[in-house]
Amino acid sequence: MSGIAVADEVVHKFNELKLAHNTRYLTFQMSDDLTQVVLDKTSVSPSATWEDFTSDLPRHDCRYGVFDFEYEKDGGRRNKIVFVVWCPETSKIKAKMLYTSTKESLKKKLVGIGSELQATDSSEIARSEVTARVAHI
């Protein structure tokens, strides 16, 4: 545990995503003073795609994200909330350490996560990879 707090808005927006389905994804980042996890981006539409989500992740900085992921299994449509820890190889070491050490504190606040994914490059968050992982849980 890193001692970094989670802003109330983060939990509120997550619960809206989970219960109201009025948005498809959220991204979170550390505040400028590194004291709390705050909301970074919200999808503008409930029909946003996985590709929209991954394009909102910065190429050289860490982020957390949650996505209301739809997939097919056994002939039916399913949904699972996927929690993503994005720490690209090109991000700063301090950022990687902070995001990794704060992950569990954030996850405890976000009740209802169906699957977790840690990624360091775009191949690890390709839709096919995520679908395969989510469908086996």
N, C-alpha and C. Protein backbone atom coordinates (compact mmCIF):
# COMPACT_ATOMS: atom_id res chain seq x y z
N MET A 1 0.85 -1.19 0.00
CA MET A 1 0.00 0.00 0.00
C MET A 1 0.89 1.24 0.00
N SER A 2 0.54 2.20 -0.83
CA SER A 2 1.40 3.35 -1.03
C SER A 2 1.01 4.57 -0.20
N GLY A 3 -0.16 4.58 0.43
CA GLY A 3 -0.60 5.75 1.17
C GLY A 3 -1.27 6.78 0.29
N ILE A 4 -1.49 6.48 -0.97
CA ILE A 4 -2.15 7.39 -1.90
C ILE A 4 -3.65 7.11 -1.83
N ALA A 5 -4.43 8.17 -1.61
CA ALA A 5 -5.88 8.05 -1.45
C ALA A 5 -6.56 7.91 -2.81
N VAL A 6 -7.83 7.52 -2.75
CA VAL A 6 -8.67 7.44 -3.95
C VAL A 6 -9.75 8.50 -3.82
N ALA A 7 -9.83 9.41 -4.79
CA ALA A 7 -10.82 10.48 -4.75
C ALA A 7 -12.24 9.90 -4.79
N ASP A 8 -13.16 10.54 -4.07
CA ASP A 8 -14.56 10.09 -4.04
C ASP A 8 -15.17 10.05 -5.44
N GLU A 9 -14.79 11.00 -6.30
CA GLU A 9 -15.32 11.05 -7.66
C GLU A 9 -14.99 9.77 -8.43
N VAL A 10 -13.85 9.18 -8.17
CA VAL A 10 -13.45 7.94 -8.84
C VAL A 10 -14.46 6.84 -8.53
N VAL A 11 -14.78 6.67 -7.27
CA VAL A 11 -15.73 5.64 -6.84
C VAL A 11 -17.12 5.94 -7.39
N HIS A 12 -17.53 7.20 -7.32
CA HIS A 12 -18.84 7.61 -7.81
C HIS A 12 -18.99 7.31 -9.31
N LYS A 13 -18.00 7.70 -10.11
CA LYS A 13 -18.06 7.46 -11.56
C LYS A 13 -18.02 5.96 -11.88
N PHE A 14 -17.23 5.20 -11.12
CA PHE A 14 -17.19 3.76 -11.32
C PHE A 14 -18.57 3.15 -11.06
N ASN A 15 -19.22 3.56 -9.98
CA ASN A 15 -20.55 3.03 -9.68
C ASN A 15 -21.57 3.41 -10.74
N GLU A 16 -21.45 4.59 -11.32
CA GLU A 16 -22.32 4.97 -12.44
C GLU A 16 -22.09 4.05 -13.63
N LEU A 17 -20.83 3.78 -13.95
CA LEU A 17 -20.51 2.89 -15.06
C LEU A 17 -21.11 1.50 -14.81
N LYS A 18 -20.95 1.02 -13.60
CA LYS A 18 -21.39 -0.33 -13.23
C LYS A 18 -22.91 -0.46 -13.19
N LEU A 19 -23.59 0.53 -12.63
CA LEU A 19 -25.03 0.41 -12.40
C LEU A 19 -25.90 1.06 -13.47
N ALA A 20 -25.50 2.23 -13.93
CA ALA A 20 -26.33 2.97 -14.88
C ALA A 20 -25.96 2.68 -16.33
N HIS A 21 -24.76 2.16 -16.56
CA HIS A 21 -24.27 1.86 -17.92
C HIS A 21 -24.38 3.08 -18.83
N ASN A 22 -24.14 4.28 -18.27
CA ASN A 22 -24.25 5.50 -19.06
C ASN A 22 -22.91 5.91 -19.68
N THR A 23 -21.89 5.15 -19.40
CA THR A 23 -20.58 5.37 -20.00
C THR A 23 -19.92 4.01 -20.19
N ARG A 24 -19.00 3.90 -21.12
CA ARG A 24 -18.38 2.61 -21.40
C ARG A 24 -17.07 2.41 -20.65
N TYR A 25 -16.31 3.51 -20.48
CA TYR A 25 -15.03 3.36 -19.79
C TYR A 25 -14.61 4.63 -19.07
N LEU A 26 -13.68 4.45 -18.14
CA LEU A 26 -13.08 5.53 -17.37
C LEU A 26 -11.58 5.29 -17.30
N THR A 27 -10.80 6.37 -17.26
CA THR A 27 -9.38 6.23 -16.96
C THR A 27 -9.07 7.11 -15.75
N PHE A 28 -8.10 6.65 -14.96
CA PHE A 28 -7.70 7.35 -13.74
C PHE A 28 -6.20 7.57 -13.76
N GLN A 29 -5.77 8.63 -13.06
CA GLN A 29 -4.35 8.93 -12.97
C GLN A 29 -4.04 9.43 -11.57
N MET A 30 -2.75 9.54 -11.27
CA MET A 30 -2.31 10.15 -10.02
C MET A 30 -2.48 11.66 -10.14
N SER A 31 -2.86 12.30 -9.04
CA SER A 31 -2.95 13.77 -9.03
C SER A 31 -1.54 14.35 -9.19
N ASP A 32 -1.48 15.61 -9.56
CA ASP A 32 -0.18 16.26 -9.78
C ASP A 32 0.72 16.22 -8.55
N ASP A 33 0.11 16.29 -7.35
CA ASP A 33 0.91 16.25 -6.12
C ASP A 33 1.11 14.82 -5.60
N LEU A 34 0.66 13.83 -6.37
CA LEU A 34 0.85 12.40 -6.06
C LEU A 34 0.24 11.98 -4.72
N THR A 35 -0.90 12.60 -4.36
CA THR A 35 -1.54 12.25 -3.10
C THR A 35 -2.81 11.43 -3.27
N GLN A 36 -3.36 11.40 -4.50
CA GLN A 36 -4.59 10.63 -4.70
C GLN A 36 -4.77 10.21 -6.16
N VAL A 37 -5.61 9.20 -6.34
CA VAL A 37 -6.01 8.75 -7.67
C VAL A 37 -7.24 9.57 -8.04
N VAL A 38 -7.19 10.20 -9.23
CA VAL A 38 -8.28 11.07 -9.68
C VAL A 38 -8.77 10.63 -11.06
N LEU A 39 -9.96 11.10 -11.42
CA LEU A 39 -10.52 10.81 -12.74
C LEU A 39 -9.69 11.50 -13.81
N ASP A 40 -9.36 10.76 -14.87
CA ASP A 40 -8.62 11.32 -16.00
C ASP A 40 -9.57 11.56 -17.16
N LYS A 41 -10.16 10.49 -17.69
CA LYS A 41 -11.06 10.61 -18.85
C LYS A 41 -12.28 9.71 -18.66
N THR A 42 -13.36 10.13 -19.31
CA THR A 42 -14.60 9.37 -19.34
C THR A 42 -15.01 9.22 -20.79
N SER A 43 -15.49 8.05 -21.17
CA SER A 43 -15.96 7.90 -22.54
C SER A 43 -17.15 8.82 -22.75
N VAL A 44 -17.24 9.39 -23.94
CA VAL A 44 -18.31 10.33 -24.22
C VAL A 44 -19.61 9.62 -24.60
N SER A 45 -19.53 8.32 -24.82
CA SER A 45 -20.69 7.58 -25.28
C SER A 45 -20.71 6.17 -24.70
N PRO A 46 -21.91 5.67 -24.36
CA PRO A 46 -21.98 4.29 -23.90
C PRO A 46 -21.68 3.28 -25.01
N SER A 47 -21.60 3.75 -26.25
CA SER A 47 -21.28 2.85 -27.36
C SER A 47 -19.79 2.92 -27.75
N ALA A 48 -18.96 3.56 -26.92
CA ALA A 48 -17.52 3.63 -27.20
C ALA A 48 -16.95 2.22 -27.28
N THR A 49 -15.91 2.06 -28.05
CA THR A 49 -15.31 0.75 -28.29
C THR A 49 -14.05 0.54 -27.44
N TRP A 50 -13.60 -0.71 -27.42
CA TRP A 50 -12.34 -1.05 -26.75
C TRP A 50 -11.19 -0.26 -27.39
N GLU A 51 -11.26 -0.09 -28.69
CA GLU A 51 -10.23 0.66 -29.41
C GLU A 51 -10.22 2.14 -28.99
N ASP A 52 -11.41 2.71 -28.74
CA ASP A 52 -11.49 4.08 -28.23
C ASP A 52 -10.78 4.17 -26.88
N PHE A 53 -11.05 3.19 -26.03
CA PHE A 53 -10.43 3.14 -24.70
C PHE A 53 -8.91 3.06 -24.80
N THR A 54 -8.41 2.11 -25.59
CA THR A 54 -6.95 1.94 -25.66
C THR A 54 -6.27 3.16 -26.30
N SER A 55 -6.96 3.85 -27.19
CA SER A 55 -6.36 5.04 -27.80
C SER A 55 -6.30 6.21 -26.81
N ASP A 56 -7.11 6.16 -25.75
CA ASP A 56 -7.07 7.20 -24.72
C ASP A 56 -5.96 6.95 -23.69
N LEU A 57 -5.31 5.79 -23.74
CA LEU A 57 -4.20 5.53 -22.82
C LEU A 57 -2.94 6.18 -23.38
N PRO A 58 -2.21 6.93 -22.55
CA PRO A 58 -1.02 7.62 -23.05
C PRO A 58 0.09 6.64 -23.41
N ARG A 59 0.88 6.97 -24.41
CA ARG A 59 1.94 6.07 -24.88
C ARG A 59 3.11 5.97 -23.90
N HIS A 60 3.36 7.04 -23.11
CA HIS A 60 4.55 7.06 -22.28
C HIS A 60 4.26 7.36 -20.81
N ASP A 61 3.03 7.11 -20.36
CA ASP A 61 2.69 7.36 -18.96
C ASP A 61 1.71 6.29 -18.48
N CYS A 62 1.67 6.09 -17.19
CA CYS A 62 0.82 5.06 -16.60
C CYS A 62 -0.61 5.57 -16.39
N ARG A 63 -1.54 4.64 -16.37
CA ARG A 63 -2.95 4.94 -16.07
C ARG A 63 -3.61 3.68 -15.52
N TYR A 64 -4.72 3.91 -14.82
CA TYR A 64 -5.65 2.84 -14.50
C TYR A 64 -6.85 3.05 -15.41
N GLY A 65 -7.54 1.98 -15.71
CA GLY A 65 -8.75 2.11 -16.50
C GLY A 65 -9.75 1.03 -16.13
N VAL A 66 -11.02 1.33 -16.34
CA VAL A 66 -12.08 0.32 -16.23
C VAL A 66 -12.92 0.41 -17.50
N PHE A 67 -13.31 -0.76 -17.99
CA PHE A 67 -14.07 -0.82 -19.23
C PHE A 67 -15.19 -1.83 -19.06
N ASP A 68 -16.39 -1.46 -19.45
CA ASP A 68 -17.55 -2.36 -19.43
C ASP A 68 -17.48 -3.18 -20.71
N PHE A 69 -16.83 -4.34 -20.63
CA PHE A 69 -16.45 -5.13 -21.79
C PHE A 69 -17.55 -6.11 -22.18
N GLU A 70 -17.99 -6.05 -23.45
CA GLU A 70 -18.98 -6.99 -23.98
C GLU A 70 -18.27 -8.05 -24.81
N TYR A 71 -18.73 -9.28 -24.66
CA TYR A 71 -18.17 -10.38 -25.44
C TYR A 71 -19.23 -11.47 -25.58
N GLU A 72 -18.95 -12.42 -26.46
CA GLU A 72 -19.88 -13.53 -26.68
C GLU A 72 -19.29 -14.80 -26.11
N LYS A 73 -20.15 -15.56 -25.43
CA LYS A 73 -19.74 -16.86 -24.89
C LYS A 73 -20.95 -17.77 -24.88
N ASP A 74 -20.77 -18.97 -25.38
CA ASP A 74 -21.85 -19.96 -25.43
C ASP A 74 -23.10 -19.41 -26.12
N GLY A 75 -22.89 -18.63 -27.17
CA GLY A 75 -23.99 -18.11 -27.96
C GLY A 75 -24.72 -16.93 -27.36
N GLY A 76 -24.22 -16.40 -26.24
CA GLY A 76 -24.91 -15.27 -25.61
C GLY A 76 -23.97 -14.10 -25.36
N ARG A 77 -24.57 -12.91 -25.27
CA ARG A 77 -23.80 -11.70 -24.98
C ARG A 77 -23.58 -11.60 -23.48
N ARG A 78 -22.35 -11.28 -23.10
CA ARG A 78 -22.00 -11.12 -21.69
C ARG A 78 -21.28 -9.79 -21.50
N ASN A 79 -21.30 -9.32 -20.27
CA ASN A 79 -20.56 -8.11 -19.90
C ASN A 79 -19.70 -8.41 -18.68
N LYS A 80 -18.52 -7.83 -18.67
CA LYS A 80 -17.65 -7.95 -17.52
C LYS A 80 -16.86 -6.65 -17.40
N ILE A 81 -16.75 -6.14 -16.20
CA ILE A 81 -15.96 -4.93 -15.99
C ILE A 81 -14.49 -5.33 -15.87
N VAL A 82 -13.69 -4.79 -16.78
CA VAL A 82 -12.27 -5.10 -16.84
C VAL A 82 -11.49 -3.94 -16.24
N PHE A 83 -10.62 -4.26 -15.29
CA PHE A 83 -9.74 -3.28 -14.65
C PHE A 83 -8.37 -3.40 -15.31
N VAL A 84 -7.85 -2.29 -15.81
CA VAL A 84 -6.58 -2.29 -16.53
C VAL A 84 -5.56 -1.44 -15.78
N VAL A 85 -4.39 -2.01 -15.59
CA VAL A 85 -3.25 -1.26 -15.08
C VAL A 85 -2.31 -1.09 -16.27
N TRP A 86 -2.19 0.13 -16.75
CA TRP A 86 -1.39 0.43 -17.94
C TRP A 86 -0.09 1.09 -17.50
N CYS A 87 1.01 0.39 -17.65
CA CYS A 87 2.34 0.92 -17.30
C CYS A 87 3.29 0.60 -18.44
N PRO A 88 3.31 1.43 -19.48
CA PRO A 88 4.16 1.14 -20.64
C PRO A 88 5.65 1.13 -20.26
N GLU A 89 6.40 0.36 -21.00
CA GLU A 89 7.85 0.24 -20.78
C GLU A 89 8.53 1.61 -20.78
N THR A 90 8.01 2.55 -21.55
CA THR A 90 8.64 3.86 -21.70
C THR A 90 8.26 4.85 -20.60
N SER A 91 7.40 4.45 -19.65
CA SER A 91 7.04 5.36 -18.56
C SER A 91 8.17 5.41 -17.53
N LYS A 92 8.13 6.44 -16.70
CA LYS A 92 9.17 6.63 -15.69
C LYS A 92 9.06 5.56 -14.60
N ILE A 93 10.20 5.18 -14.06
CA ILE A 93 10.24 4.13 -13.04
C ILE A 93 9.42 4.51 -11.82
N LYS A 94 9.50 5.76 -11.37
CA LYS A 94 8.73 6.19 -10.20
C LYS A 94 7.24 6.03 -10.44
N ALA A 95 6.78 6.38 -11.63
CA ALA A 95 5.35 6.23 -11.96
C ALA A 95 4.95 4.75 -11.92
N LYS A 96 5.76 3.89 -12.50
CA LYS A 96 5.46 2.45 -12.48
C LYS A 96 5.34 1.95 -11.05
N MET A 97 6.27 2.37 -10.19
CA MET A 97 6.25 1.93 -8.79
C MET A 97 5.00 2.43 -8.07
N LEU A 98 4.65 3.70 -8.28
CA LEU A 98 3.46 4.27 -7.63
C LEU A 98 2.18 3.58 -8.09
N TYR A 99 2.04 3.39 -9.37
CA TYR A 99 0.82 2.75 -9.90
C TYR A 99 0.71 1.31 -9.42
N THR A 100 1.81 0.60 -9.41
CA THR A 100 1.79 -0.79 -8.97
C THR A 100 1.46 -0.88 -7.48
N SER A 101 2.06 -0.02 -6.67
CA SER A 101 1.84 -0.10 -5.22
C SER A 101 0.46 0.42 -4.80
N THR A 102 -0.20 1.20 -5.62
CA THR A 102 -1.51 1.76 -5.29
C THR A 102 -2.65 0.91 -5.85
N LYS A 103 -2.34 0.00 -6.74
CA LYS A 103 -3.36 -0.80 -7.43
C LYS A 103 -4.35 -1.48 -6.48
N GLU A 104 -3.87 -2.16 -5.47
CA GLU A 104 -4.77 -2.90 -4.57
C GLU A 104 -5.70 -1.97 -3.80
N SER A 105 -5.19 -0.82 -3.38
CA SER A 105 -6.04 0.16 -2.67
C SER A 105 -7.18 0.62 -3.56
N LEU A 106 -6.87 0.88 -4.82
CA LEU A 106 -7.90 1.32 -5.77
C LEU A 106 -8.90 0.20 -6.02
N LYS A 107 -8.41 -1.01 -6.25
CA LYS A 107 -9.31 -2.13 -6.52
C LYS A 107 -10.28 -2.38 -5.37
N LYS A 108 -9.85 -2.20 -4.14
CA LYS A 108 -10.74 -2.40 -2.99
C LYS A 108 -11.90 -1.43 -3.01
N LYS A 109 -11.67 -0.22 -3.54
CA LYS A 109 -12.72 0.80 -3.61
C LYS A 109 -13.69 0.55 -4.77
N LEU A 110 -13.23 -0.16 -5.79
CA LEU A 110 -14.04 -0.39 -6.99
C LEU A 110 -14.66 -1.79 -6.94
N VAL A 111 -15.73 -1.91 -6.20
CA VAL A 111 -16.38 -3.20 -5.99
C VAL A 111 -17.16 -3.60 -7.24
N GLY A 112 -16.85 -4.79 -7.78
CA GLY A 112 -17.56 -5.28 -8.96
C GLY A 112 -16.68 -5.51 -10.16
N ILE A 113 -15.38 -5.47 -9.97
CA ILE A 113 -14.46 -5.74 -11.08
C ILE A 113 -14.50 -7.22 -11.42
N GLY A 114 -14.66 -7.53 -12.70
CA GLY A 114 -14.77 -8.92 -13.13
C GLY A 114 -13.47 -9.54 -13.57
N SER A 115 -12.55 -8.72 -14.03
CA SER A 115 -11.28 -9.22 -14.55
C SER A 115 -10.23 -8.12 -14.44
N GLU A 116 -8.98 -8.53 -14.27
CA GLU A 116 -7.89 -7.57 -14.17
C GLU A 116 -6.85 -7.86 -15.25
N LEU A 117 -6.29 -6.79 -15.77
CA LEU A 117 -5.30 -6.90 -16.83
C LEU A 117 -4.18 -5.91 -16.56
N GLN A 118 -2.94 -6.40 -16.55
CA GLN A 118 -1.78 -5.51 -16.44
C GLN A 118 -1.07 -5.53 -17.78
N ALA A 119 -0.78 -4.34 -18.30
CA ALA A 119 -0.19 -4.28 -19.64
C ALA A 119 0.95 -3.27 -19.69
N THR A 120 1.96 -3.61 -20.50
CA THR A 120 3.11 -2.72 -20.69
C THR A 120 3.26 -2.30 -22.15
N ASP A 121 2.52 -2.95 -23.05
CA ASP A 121 2.52 -2.52 -24.45
C ASP A 121 1.19 -2.87 -25.10
N SER A 122 0.96 -2.32 -26.28
CA SER A 122 -0.35 -2.42 -26.93
C SER A 122 -0.74 -3.86 -27.28
N SER A 123 0.23 -4.73 -27.50
CA SER A 123 -0.12 -6.12 -27.83
C SER A 123 -0.82 -6.82 -26.67
N GLU A 124 -0.53 -6.39 -25.45
CA GLU A 124 -1.14 -7.00 -24.27
C GLU A 124 -2.56 -6.53 -24.01
N ILE A 125 -2.98 -5.48 -24.71
CA ILE A 125 -4.35 -4.99 -24.56
C ILE A 125 -5.12 -5.04 -25.88
N ALA A 126 -4.66 -5.88 -26.79
CA ALA A 126 -5.41 -6.10 -28.04
C ALA A 126 -6.75 -6.74 -27.68
N ARG A 127 -7.80 -6.35 -28.39
CA ARG A 127 -9.13 -6.87 -28.09
C ARG A 127 -9.17 -8.40 -28.06
N SER A 128 -8.48 -9.05 -28.98
CA SER A 128 -8.49 -10.52 -29.02
C SER A 128 -7.88 -11.12 -27.75
N GLU A 129 -6.83 -10.50 -27.24
CA GLU A 129 -6.19 -10.97 -25.99
C GLU A 129 -7.14 -10.81 -24.81
N VAL A 130 -7.79 -9.67 -24.74
CA VAL A 130 -8.71 -9.39 -23.64
C VAL A 130 -9.92 -10.31 -23.69
N THR A 131 -10.46 -10.51 -24.89
CA THR A 131 -11.62 -11.39 -25.03
C THR A 131 -11.27 -12.80 -24.59
N ALA A 132 -10.12 -13.30 -25.00
CA ALA A 132 -9.69 -14.65 -24.60
C ALA A 132 -9.55 -14.75 -23.08
N ARG A 133 -8.99 -13.75 -22.48
CA ARG A 133 -8.79 -13.77 -21.02
C ARG A 133 -10.12 -13.68 -20.27
N VAL A 134 -10.98 -12.76 -20.69
CA VAL A 134 -12.26 -12.53 -20.01
C VAL A 134 -13.19 -13.74 -20.18
N ALA A 135 -13.23 -14.32 -21.36
CA ALA A 135 -14.14 -15.43 -21.64
C ALA A 135 -13.79 -16.70 -20.87
N HIS A 136 -12.57 -16.82 -20.39
CA HIS A 136 -12.16 -18.02 -19.64
C HIS A 136 -12.37 -17.91 -18.15
N ILE A 137 -12.82 -16.75 -17.70
CA ILE A 137 -13.03 -16.58 -16.25
C ILE A 137 -14.44 -16.95 -15.88
